[in-house]
Amino acid sequence: TSTTKADEDVGDDEDSIILTKSFFDVREYRRAAHVLEGCKSHKAFFLRGYSKYLSGEKHREEESCSFDANQANGVRHGAAANSELPGLLRELAERR
């Protein structure tokens, strides 16, 4: 059977991808993204981006809960946003 460059890259990244799944299972998205730094496969690139996105959403959710608690105490803050989005957009633009 013939293998493509993409198949070889996934093989090289397989251990990192398996470890990433473990981090996903416990909602450790920032760690999952870190594990995939430097991986070359399309699969790892997608999982790293998705991990960073989910990390940002988790942080945004935590900020929002904090915002709700502070608002009840009369403290006002701006709406929480996913802080990972600008970096993800840059990475996607560079990947093109």
PDB file of N, CA and C in Angstrom:
ATOM      1  N   THR A   1       0.843  -1.191   0.000  1.00  0.00           N
ATOM      2  CA  THR A   1       0.000   0.000   0.000  1.00  0.00           C
ATOM      3  C   THR A   1       0.881   1.246   0.000  1.00  0.00           C
ATOM      4  N   SER A   2       0.380   2.276  -0.625  1.00  0.00           N
ATOM      5  CA  SER A   2       1.141   3.523  -0.647  1.00  0.00           C
ATOM      6  C   SER A   2       0.635   4.453   0.451  1.00  0.00           C
ATOM      7  N   THR A   3       1.543   5.205   1.011  1.00  0.00           N
ATOM      8  CA  THR A   3       1.165   6.174   2.041  1.00  0.00           C
ATOM      9  C   THR A   3       1.461   7.570   1.523  1.00  0.00           C
ATOM     10  N   THR A   4       0.647   8.492   1.929  1.00  0.00           N
ATOM     11  CA  THR A   4       0.843   9.882   1.539  1.00  0.00           C
ATOM     12  C   THR A   4       1.591  10.613   2.636  1.00  0.00           C
ATOM     13  N   LYS A   5       2.057  11.817   2.316  1.00  0.00           N
ATOM     14  CA  LYS A   5       2.744  12.649   3.309  1.00  0.00           C
ATOM     15  C   LYS A   5       1.836  12.921   4.499  1.00  0.00           C
ATOM     16  N   ALA A   6       0.532  13.173   4.237  1.00  0.00           N
ATOM     17  CA  ALA A   6      -0.428  13.431   5.326  1.00  0.00           C
ATOM     18  C   ALA A   6      -0.536  12.224   6.246  1.00  0.00           C
ATOM     19  N   ASP A   7      -0.549  10.999   5.664  1.00  0.00           N
ATOM     20  CA  ASP A   7      -0.613   9.781   6.472  1.00  0.00           C
ATOM     21  C   ASP A   7       0.626   9.647   7.352  1.00  0.00           C
ATOM     22  N   GLU A   8       1.794   9.968   6.789  1.00  0.00           N
ATOM     23  CA  GLU A   8       3.029   9.883   7.556  1.00  0.00           C
ATOM     24  C   GLU A   8       3.033  10.884   8.703  1.00  0.00           C
ATOM     25  N   ASP A   9       2.538  12.114   8.445  1.00  0.00           N
ATOM     26  CA  ASP A   9       2.484  13.140   9.480  1.00  0.00           C
ATOM     27  C   ASP A   9       1.575  12.710  10.628  1.00  0.00           C
ATOM     28  N   VAL A  10       0.418  12.115  10.317  1.00  0.00           N
ATOM     29  CA  VAL A  10      -0.491  11.653  11.371  1.00  0.00           C
ATOM     30  C   VAL A  10       0.209  10.584  12.197  1.00  0.00           C
ATOM     31  N   GLY A  11       0.953   9.702  11.541  1.00  0.00           N
ATOM     32  CA  GLY A  11       1.697   8.674  12.268  1.00  0.00           C
ATOM     33  C   GLY A  11       2.706   9.273  13.231  1.00  0.00           C
ATOM     34  N   ASP A  12       3.395  10.325  12.775  1.00  0.00           N
ATOM     35  CA  ASP A  12       4.374  11.003  13.623  1.00  0.00           C
ATOM     36  C   ASP A  12       3.708  11.676  14.815  1.00  0.00           C
ATOM     37  N   ASP A  13       2.485  12.141  14.629  1.00  0.00           N
ATOM     38  CA  ASP A  13       1.764  12.892  15.658  1.00  0.00           C
ATOM     39  C   ASP A  13       0.836  12.026  16.512  1.00  0.00           C
ATOM     40  N   GLU A  14       0.756  10.747  16.236  1.00  0.00           N
ATOM     41  CA  GLU A  14      -0.261   9.883  16.863  1.00  0.00           C
ATOM     42  C   GLU A  14      -0.181   9.881  18.391  1.00  0.00           C
ATOM     43  N   ASP A  15       1.019   9.802  18.961  1.00  0.00           N
ATOM     44  CA  ASP A  15       1.142   9.801  20.425  1.00  0.00           C
ATOM     45  C   ASP A  15       0.591  11.098  21.019  1.00  0.00           C
ATOM     46  N   SER A  16       0.907  12.216  20.380  1.00  0.00           N
ATOM     47  CA  SER A  16       0.409  13.510  20.866  1.00  0.00           C
ATOM     48  C   SER A  16      -1.107  13.590  20.740  1.00  0.00           C
ATOM     49  N   ILE A  17      -1.648  13.047  19.663  1.00  0.00           N
ATOM     50  CA  ILE A  17      -3.093  13.066  19.453  1.00  0.00           C
ATOM     51  C   ILE A  17      -3.803  12.225  20.513  1.00  0.00           C
ATOM     52  N   ILE A  18      -3.230  11.089  20.855  1.00  0.00           N
ATOM     53  CA  ILE A  18      -3.817  10.232  21.897  1.00  0.00           C
ATOM     54  C   ILE A  18      -3.780  10.944  23.254  1.00  0.00           C
ATOM     55  N   LEU A  19      -2.666  11.583  23.581  1.00  0.00           N
ATOM     56  CA  LEU A  19      -2.570  12.329  24.833  1.00  0.00           C
ATOM     57  C   LEU A  19      -3.583  13.478  24.849  1.00  0.00           C
ATOM     58  N   THR A  20      -3.753  14.131  23.700  1.00  0.00           N
ATOM     59  CA  THR A  20      -4.731  15.214  23.588  1.00  0.00           C
ATOM     60  C   THR A  20      -6.132  14.723  23.907  1.00  0.00           C
ATOM     61  N   LYS A  21      -6.476  13.531  23.444  1.00  0.00           N
ATOM     62  CA  LYS A  21      -7.804  12.985  23.740  1.00  0.00           C
ATOM     63  C   LYS A  21      -8.001  12.841  25.241  1.00  0.00           C
ATOM     64  N   SER A  22      -6.965  12.430  25.942  1.00  0.00           N
ATOM     65  CA  SER A  22      -7.058  12.313  27.403  1.00  0.00           C
ATOM     66  C   SER A  22      -7.328  13.671  28.045  1.00  0.00           C
ATOM     67  N   PHE A  23      -6.654  14.704  27.556  1.00  0.00           N
ATOM     68  CA  PHE A  23      -6.882  16.047  28.087  1.00  0.00           C
ATOM     69  C   PHE A  23      -8.288  16.550  27.747  1.00  0.00           C
ATOM     70  N   PHE A  24      -8.792  16.202  26.554  1.00  0.00           N
ATOM     71  CA  PHE A  24     -10.161  16.564  26.195  1.00  0.00           C
ATOM     72  C   PHE A  24     -11.154  15.939  27.173  1.00  0.00           C
ATOM     73  N   ASP A  25     -10.913  14.689  27.526  1.00  0.00           N
ATOM     74  CA  ASP A  25     -11.831  13.964  28.415  1.00  0.00           C
ATOM     75  C   ASP A  25     -11.995  14.642  29.765  1.00  0.00           C
ATOM     76  N   VAL A  26     -10.947  15.358  30.217  1.00  0.00           N
ATOM     77  CA  VAL A  26     -11.007  16.035  31.515  1.00  0.00           C
ATOM     78  C   VAL A  26     -11.093  17.556  31.359  1.00  0.00           C
ATOM     79  N   ARG A  27     -11.432  18.010  30.166  1.00  0.00           N
ATOM     80  CA  ARG A  27     -11.649  19.426  29.847  1.00  0.00           C
ATOM     81  C   ARG A  27     -10.419  20.294  30.108  1.00  0.00           C
ATOM     82  N   GLU A  28      -9.233  19.736  29.856  1.00  0.00           N
ATOM     83  CA  GLU A  28      -7.970  20.473  29.976  1.00  0.00           C
ATOM     84  C   GLU A  28      -7.538  20.896  28.570  1.00  0.00           C
ATOM     85  N   TYR A  29      -8.268  21.842  28.001  1.00  0.00           N
ATOM     86  CA  TYR A  29      -8.079  22.227  26.608  1.00  0.00           C
ATOM     87  C   TYR A  29      -6.769  22.964  26.377  1.00  0.00           C
ATOM     88  N   ARG A  30      -6.325  23.783  27.308  1.00  0.00           N
ATOM     89  CA  ARG A  30      -5.071  24.510  27.156  1.00  0.00           C
ATOM     90  C   ARG A  30      -3.912  23.513  27.094  1.00  0.00           C
ATOM     91  N   ARG A  31      -3.944  22.508  27.932  1.00  0.00           N
ATOM     92  CA  ARG A  31      -2.895  21.480  27.918  1.00  0.00           C
ATOM     93  C   ARG A  31      -2.930  20.693  26.612  1.00  0.00           C
ATOM     94  N   ALA A  32      -4.134  20.388  26.142  1.00  0.00           N
ATOM     95  CA  ALA A  32      -4.272  19.670  24.872  1.00  0.00           C
ATOM     96  C   ALA A  32      -3.622  20.462  23.740  1.00  0.00           C
ATOM     97  N   ALA A  33      -3.874  21.763  23.700  1.00  0.00           N
ATOM     98  CA  ALA A  33      -3.286  22.603  22.657  1.00  0.00           C
ATOM     99  C   ALA A  33      -1.763  22.626  22.776  1.00  0.00           C
ATOM    100  N   HIS A  34      -1.258  22.682  23.993  1.00  0.00           N
ATOM    101  CA  HIS A  34       0.188  22.721  24.209  1.00  0.00           C
ATOM    102  C   HIS A  34       0.868  21.449  23.701  1.00  0.00           C
ATOM    103  N   VAL A  35       0.246  20.309  23.963  1.00  0.00           N
ATOM    104  CA  VAL A  35       0.808  19.025  23.537  1.00  0.00           C
ATOM    105  C   VAL A  35       0.964  18.977  22.014  1.00  0.00           C
ATOM    106  N   LEU A  36       0.061  19.630  21.305  1.00  0.00           N
ATOM    107  CA  LEU A  36       0.060  19.557  19.845  1.00  0.00           C
ATOM    108  C   LEU A  36       0.946  20.604  19.163  1.00  0.00           C
ATOM    109  N   GLU A  37       1.582  21.474  19.937  1.00  0.00           N
ATOM    110  CA  GLU A  37       2.492  22.450  19.329  1.00  0.00           C
ATOM    111  C   GLU A  37       3.599  21.719  18.581  1.00  0.00           C
ATOM    112  N   GLY A  38       3.855  22.145  17.371  1.00  0.00           N
ATOM    113  CA  GLY A  38       4.908  21.539  16.570  1.00  0.00           C
ATOM    114  C   GLY A  38       4.482  20.328  15.772  1.00  0.00           C
ATOM    115  N   CYS A  39       3.266  19.818  15.988  1.00  0.00           N
ATOM    116  CA  CYS A  39       2.781  18.688  15.201  1.00  0.00           C
ATOM    117  C   CYS A  39       2.480  19.157  13.779  1.00  0.00           C
ATOM    118  N   LYS A  40       2.661  18.283  12.806  1.00  0.00           N
ATOM    119  CA  LYS A  40       2.579  18.664  11.394  1.00  0.00           C
ATOM    120  C   LYS A  40       1.295  18.236  10.692  1.00  0.00           C
ATOM    121  N   SER A  41       0.593  17.252  11.198  1.00  0.00           N
ATOM    122  CA  SER A  41      -0.553  16.716  10.467  1.00  0.00           C
ATOM    123  C   SER A  41      -1.739  17.676  10.486  1.00  0.00           C
ATOM    124  N   HIS A  42      -2.591  17.514   9.480  1.00  0.00           N
ATOM    125  CA  HIS A  42      -3.820  18.312   9.421  1.00  0.00           C
ATOM    126  C   HIS A  42      -4.708  18.020  10.635  1.00  0.00           C
ATOM    127  N   LYS A  43      -4.739  16.766  11.026  1.00  0.00           N
ATOM    128  CA  LYS A  43      -5.551  16.355  12.177  1.00  0.00           C
ATOM    129  C   LYS A  43      -5.074  17.060  13.445  1.00  0.00           C
ATOM    130  N   ALA A  44      -3.778  17.079  13.655  1.00  0.00           N
ATOM    131  CA  ALA A  44      -3.220  17.742  14.849  1.00  0.00           C
ATOM    132  C   ALA A  44      -3.459  19.251  14.781  1.00  0.00           C
ATOM    133  N   PHE A  45      -3.328  19.842  13.592  1.00  0.00           N
ATOM    134  CA  PHE A  45      -3.572  21.280  13.436  1.00  0.00           C
ATOM    135  C   PHE A  45      -5.020  21.605  13.803  1.00  0.00           C
ATOM    136  N   PHE A  46      -5.955  20.792  13.300  1.00  0.00           N
ATOM    137  CA  PHE A  46      -7.367  21.005  13.634  1.00  0.00           C
ATOM    138  C   PHE A  46      -7.604  20.851  15.132  1.00  0.00           C
ATOM    139  N   LEU A  47      -7.102  19.773  15.718  1.00  0.00           N
ATOM    140  CA  LEU A  47      -7.321  19.522  17.146  1.00  0.00           C
ATOM    141  C   LEU A  47      -6.695  20.609  18.009  1.00  0.00           C
ATOM    142  N   ARG A  48      -5.544  21.123  17.596  1.00  0.00           N
ATOM    143  CA  ARG A  48      -4.916  22.198  18.356  1.00  0.00           C
ATOM    144  C   ARG A  48      -5.773  23.461  18.300  1.00  0.00           C
ATOM    145  N   GLY A  49      -6.251  23.804  17.117  1.00  0.00           N
ATOM    146  CA  GLY A  49      -7.116  24.977  16.985  1.00  0.00           C
ATOM    147  C   GLY A  49      -8.401  24.822  17.764  1.00  0.00           C
ATOM    148  N   TYR A  50      -8.986  23.642  17.688  1.00  0.00           N
ATOM    149  CA  TYR A  50     -10.233  23.382  18.407  1.00  0.00           C
ATOM    150  C   TYR A  50      -9.992  23.416  19.916  1.00  0.00           C
ATOM    151  N   SER A  51      -8.854  22.902  20.346  1.00  0.00           N
ATOM    152  CA  SER A  51      -8.504  22.937  21.772  1.00  0.00           C
ATOM    153  C   SER A  51      -8.372  24.370  22.262  1.00  0.00           C
ATOM    154  N   LYS A  52      -7.706  25.204  21.465  1.00  0.00           N
ATOM    155  CA  LYS A  52      -7.546  26.600  21.848  1.00  0.00           C
ATOM    156  C   LYS A  52      -8.901  27.315  21.890  1.00  0.00           C
ATOM    157  N   TYR A  53      -9.749  27.016  20.916  1.00  0.00           N
ATOM    158  CA  TYR A  53     -11.087  27.610  20.899  1.00  0.00           C
ATOM    159  C   TYR A  53     -11.862  27.207  22.158  1.00  0.00           C
ATOM    160  N   LEU A  54     -11.859  25.908  22.468  1.00  0.00           N
ATOM    161  CA  LEU A  54     -12.585  25.428  23.648  1.00  0.00           C
ATOM    162  C   LEU A  54     -11.989  25.988  24.935  1.00  0.00           C
ATOM    163  N   SER A  55     -10.680  26.161  24.974  1.00  0.00           N
ATOM    164  CA  SER A  55     -10.043  26.775  26.131  1.00  0.00           C
ATOM    165  C   SER A  55     -10.556  28.198  26.320  1.00  0.00           C
ATOM    166  N   GLY A  56     -10.644  28.933  25.223  1.00  0.00           N
ATOM    167  CA  GLY A  56     -11.169  30.290  25.287  1.00  0.00           C
ATOM    168  C   GLY A  56     -12.622  30.329  25.722  1.00  0.00           C
ATOM    169  N   GLU A  57     -13.416  29.383  25.233  1.00  0.00           N
ATOM    170  CA  GLU A  57     -14.827  29.319  25.619  1.00  0.00           C
ATOM    171  C   GLU A  57     -14.975  28.976  27.099  1.00  0.00           C
ATOM    172  N   LYS A  58     -14.132  28.051  27.575  1.00  0.00           N
ATOM    173  CA  LYS A  58     -14.170  27.681  28.988  1.00  0.00           C
ATOM    174  C   LYS A  58     -13.821  28.893  29.851  1.00  0.00           C
ATOM    175  N   HIS A  59     -12.790  29.625  29.445  1.00  0.00           N
ATOM    176  CA  HIS A  59     -12.391  30.823  30.182  1.00  0.00           C
ATOM    177  C   HIS A  59     -13.498  31.881  30.128  1.00  0.00           C
ATOM    178  N   ARG A  60     -14.100  32.050  28.957  1.00  0.00           N
ATOM    179  CA  ARG A  60     -15.190  33.013  28.800  1.00  0.00           C
ATOM    180  C   ARG A  60     -16.360  32.652  29.710  1.00  0.00           C
ATOM    181  N   GLU A  61     -16.670  31.381  29.775  1.00  0.00           N
ATOM    182  CA  GLU A  61     -17.759  30.906  30.638  1.00  0.00           C
ATOM    183  C   GLU A  61     -17.449  31.191  32.107  1.00  0.00           C
ATOM    184  N   GLU A  62     -16.202  30.941  32.500  1.00  0.00           N
ATOM    185  CA  GLU A  62     -15.799  31.220  33.880  1.00  0.00           C
ATOM    186  C   GLU A  62     -15.879  32.716  34.174  1.00  0.00           C
ATOM    187  N   GLU A  63     -15.454  33.536  33.208  1.00  0.00           N
ATOM    188  CA  GLU A  63     -15.543  34.992  33.361  1.00  0.00           C
ATOM    189  C   GLU A  63     -16.996  35.427  33.481  1.00  0.00           C
ATOM    190  N   SER A  64     -17.849  34.815  32.685  1.00  0.00           N
ATOM    191  CA  SER A  64     -19.263  35.154  32.691  1.00  0.00           C
ATOM    192  C   SER A  64     -19.892  34.824  34.039  1.00  0.00           C
ATOM    193  N   CYS A  65     -19.528  33.682  34.602  1.00  0.00           N
ATOM    194  CA  CYS A  65     -20.040  33.308  35.931  1.00  0.00           C
ATOM    195  C   CYS A  65     -19.549  34.298  36.977  1.00  0.00           C
ATOM    196  N   SER A  66     -18.288  34.689  36.857  1.00  0.00           N
ATOM    197  CA  SER A  66     -17.736  35.682  37.766  1.00  0.00           C
ATOM    198  C   SER A  66     -18.448  37.013  37.584  1.00  0.00           C
ATOM    199  N   PHE A  67     -18.733  37.352  36.335  1.00  0.00           N
ATOM    200  CA  PHE A  67     -19.460  38.585  36.021  1.00  0.00           C
ATOM    201  C   PHE A  67     -20.837  38.562  36.669  1.00  0.00           C
ATOM    202  N   ASP A  68     -21.543  37.429  36.555  1.00  0.00           N
ATOM    203  CA  ASP A  68     -22.877  37.317  37.152  1.00  0.00           C
ATOM    204  C   ASP A  68     -22.821  37.505  38.662  1.00  0.00           C
ATOM    205  N   ALA A  69     -21.825  36.920  39.311  1.00  0.00           N
ATOM    206  CA  ALA A  69     -21.691  37.049  40.765  1.00  0.00           C
ATOM    207  C   ALA A  69     -21.363  38.491  41.148  1.00  0.00           C
ATOM    208  N   ASN A  70     -20.460  39.113  40.392  1.00  0.00           N
ATOM    209  CA  ASN A  70     -20.087  40.502  40.685  1.00  0.00           C
ATOM    210  C   ASN A  70     -21.231  41.465  40.408  1.00  0.00           C
ATOM    211  N   GLN A  71     -22.008  41.168  39.367  1.00  0.00           N
ATOM    212  CA  GLN A  71     -23.136  42.035  39.027  1.00  0.00           C
ATOM    213  C   GLN A  71     -24.153  42.028  40.165  1.00  0.00           C
ATOM    214  N   ALA A  72     -24.315  40.872  40.784  1.00  0.00           N
ATOM    215  CA  ALA A  72     -25.242  40.777  41.915  1.00  0.00           C
ATOM    216  C   ALA A  72     -24.754  41.652  43.072  1.00  0.00           C
ATOM    217  N   ASN A  73     -23.425  41.862  43.138  1.00  0.00           N
ATOM    218  CA  ASN A  73     -22.836  42.712  44.178  1.00  0.00           C
ATOM    219  C   ASN A  73     -22.684  44.165  43.727  1.00  0.00           C
ATOM    220  N   GLY A  74     -23.212  44.495  42.550  1.00  0.00           N
ATOM    221  CA  GLY A  74     -23.167  45.863  42.055  1.00  0.00           C
ATOM    222  C   GLY A  74     -21.914  46.233  41.278  1.00  0.00           C
ATOM    223  N   VAL A  75     -21.030  45.259  40.975  1.00  0.00           N
ATOM    224  CA  VAL A  75     -19.810  45.524  40.208  1.00  0.00           C
ATOM    225  C   VAL A  75     -20.127  45.317  38.738  1.00  0.00           C
ATOM    226  N   ARG A  76     -19.752  46.258  37.869  1.00  0.00           N
ATOM    227  CA  ARG A  76     -20.047  46.180  36.437  1.00  0.00           C
ATOM    228  C   ARG A  76     -18.754  45.963  35.648  1.00  0.00           C
ATOM    229  N   HIS A  77     -18.779  45.033  34.711  1.00  0.00           N
ATOM    230  CA  HIS A  77     -17.657  44.769  33.813  1.00  0.00           C
ATOM    231  C   HIS A  77     -18.213  44.628  32.402  1.00  0.00           C
ATOM    232  N   GLY A  78     -17.319  44.653  31.407  1.00  0.00           N
ATOM    233  CA  GLY A  78     -17.721  44.407  30.026  1.00  0.00           C
ATOM    234  C   GLY A  78     -18.052  42.936  29.817  1.00  0.00           C
ATOM    235  N   ALA A  79     -18.726  42.648  28.729  1.00  0.00           N
ATOM    236  CA  ALA A  79     -19.096  41.265  28.404  1.00  0.00           C
ATOM    237  C   ALA A  79     -17.831  40.449  28.110  1.00  0.00           C
ATOM    238  N   ALA A  80     -17.801  39.211  28.571  1.00  0.00           N
ATOM    239  CA  ALA A  80     -16.661  38.328  28.348  1.00  0.00           C
ATOM    240  C   ALA A  80     -16.635  37.882  26.889  1.00  0.00           C
ATOM    241  N   ALA A  81     -15.430  37.748  26.337  1.00  0.00           N
ATOM    242  CA  ALA A  81     -15.247  37.295  24.963  1.00  0.00           C
ATOM    243  C   ALA A  81     -14.198  36.191  24.950  1.00  0.00           C
ATOM    244  N   ASN A  82     -14.212  35.383  23.895  1.00  0.00           N
ATOM    245  CA  ASN A  82     -13.223  34.328  23.737  1.00  0.00           C
ATOM    246  C   ASN A  82     -11.904  34.972  23.329  1.00  0.00           C
ATOM    247  N   SER A  83     -10.956  35.001  24.232  1.00  0.00           N
ATOM    248  CA  SER A  83      -9.674  35.673  23.995  1.00  0.00           C
ATOM    249  C   SER A  83      -8.769  34.911  23.031  1.00  0.00           C
ATOM    250  N   GLU A  84      -9.112  33.680  22.700  1.00  0.00           N
ATOM    251  CA  GLU A  84      -8.291  32.872  21.796  1.00  0.00           C
ATOM    252  C   GLU A  84      -8.571  33.167  20.325  1.00  0.00           C
ATOM    253  N   LEU A  85      -9.692  33.811  20.025  1.00  0.00           N
ATOM    254  CA  LEU A  85     -10.083  33.983  18.625  1.00  0.00           C
ATOM    255  C   LEU A  85      -9.081  34.769  17.783  1.00  0.00           C
ATOM    256  N   PRO A  86      -8.533  35.888  18.243  1.00  0.00           N
ATOM    257  CA  PRO A  86      -7.566  36.604  17.394  1.00  0.00           C
ATOM    258  C   PRO A  86      -6.347  35.749  17.018  1.00  0.00           C
ATOM    259  N   GLY A  87      -5.827  34.999  17.981  1.00  0.00           N
ATOM    260  CA  GLY A  87      -4.692  34.120  17.703  1.00  0.00           C
ATOM    261  C   GLY A  87      -5.046  33.008  16.731  1.00  0.00           C
ATOM    262  N   LEU A  88      -6.239  32.460  16.882  1.00  0.00           N
ATOM    263  CA  LEU A  88      -6.680  31.405  15.966  1.00  0.00           C
ATOM    264  C   LEU A  88      -6.814  31.942  14.547  1.00  0.00           C
ATOM    265  N   LEU A  89      -7.360  33.133  14.407  1.00  0.00           N
ATOM    266  CA  LEU A  89      -7.488  33.735  13.080  1.00  0.00           C
ATOM    267  C   LEU A  89      -6.118  33.941  12.435  1.00  0.00           C
ATOM    268  N   ARG A  90      -5.136  34.395  13.215  1.00  0.00           N
ATOM    269  CA  ARG A  90      -3.776  34.567  12.700  1.00  0.00           C
ATOM    270  C   ARG A  90      -3.194  33.232  12.239  1.00  0.00           C
ATOM    271  N   GLU A  91      -3.346  32.190  13.054  1.00  0.00           N
ATOM    272  CA  GLU A  91      -2.812  30.875  12.692  1.00  0.00           C
ATOM    273  C   GLU A  91      -3.457  30.349  11.426  1.00  0.00           C
ATOM    274  N   LEU A  92      -4.767  30.533  11.295  1.00  0.00           N
ATOM    275  CA  LEU A  92      -5.460  30.074  10.084  1.00  0.00           C
ATOM    276  C   LEU A  92      -4.978  30.844   8.860  1.00  0.00           C
ATOM    277  N   ALA A  93      -4.783  32.142   9.000  1.00  0.00           N
ATOM    278  CA  ALA A  93      -4.312  32.951   7.879  1.00  0.00           C
ATOM    279  C   ALA A  93      -2.893  32.525   7.464  1.00  0.00           C
ATOM    280  N   GLU A  94      -2.048  32.209   8.427  1.00  0.00           N
ATOM    281  CA  GLU A  94      -0.694  31.769   8.127  1.00  0.00           C
ATOM    282  C   GLU A  94      -0.673  30.390   7.480  1.00  0.00           C
ATOM    283  N   ARG A  95      -1.632  29.566   7.809  1.00  0.00           N
ATOM    284  CA  ARG A  95      -1.688  28.188   7.299  1.00  0.00           C
ATOM    285  C   ARG A  95      -2.080  28.152   5.829  1.00  0.00           C
ATOM    286  N   ARG A  96      -2.803  29.175   5.370  1.00  0.00           N
ATOM    287  CA  ARG A  96      -3.278  29.200   3.975  1.00  0.00           C
ATOM    288  C   ARG A  96      -2.186  29.077   3.031  1.00  0.00           C
TER     289      ARG A  96
END
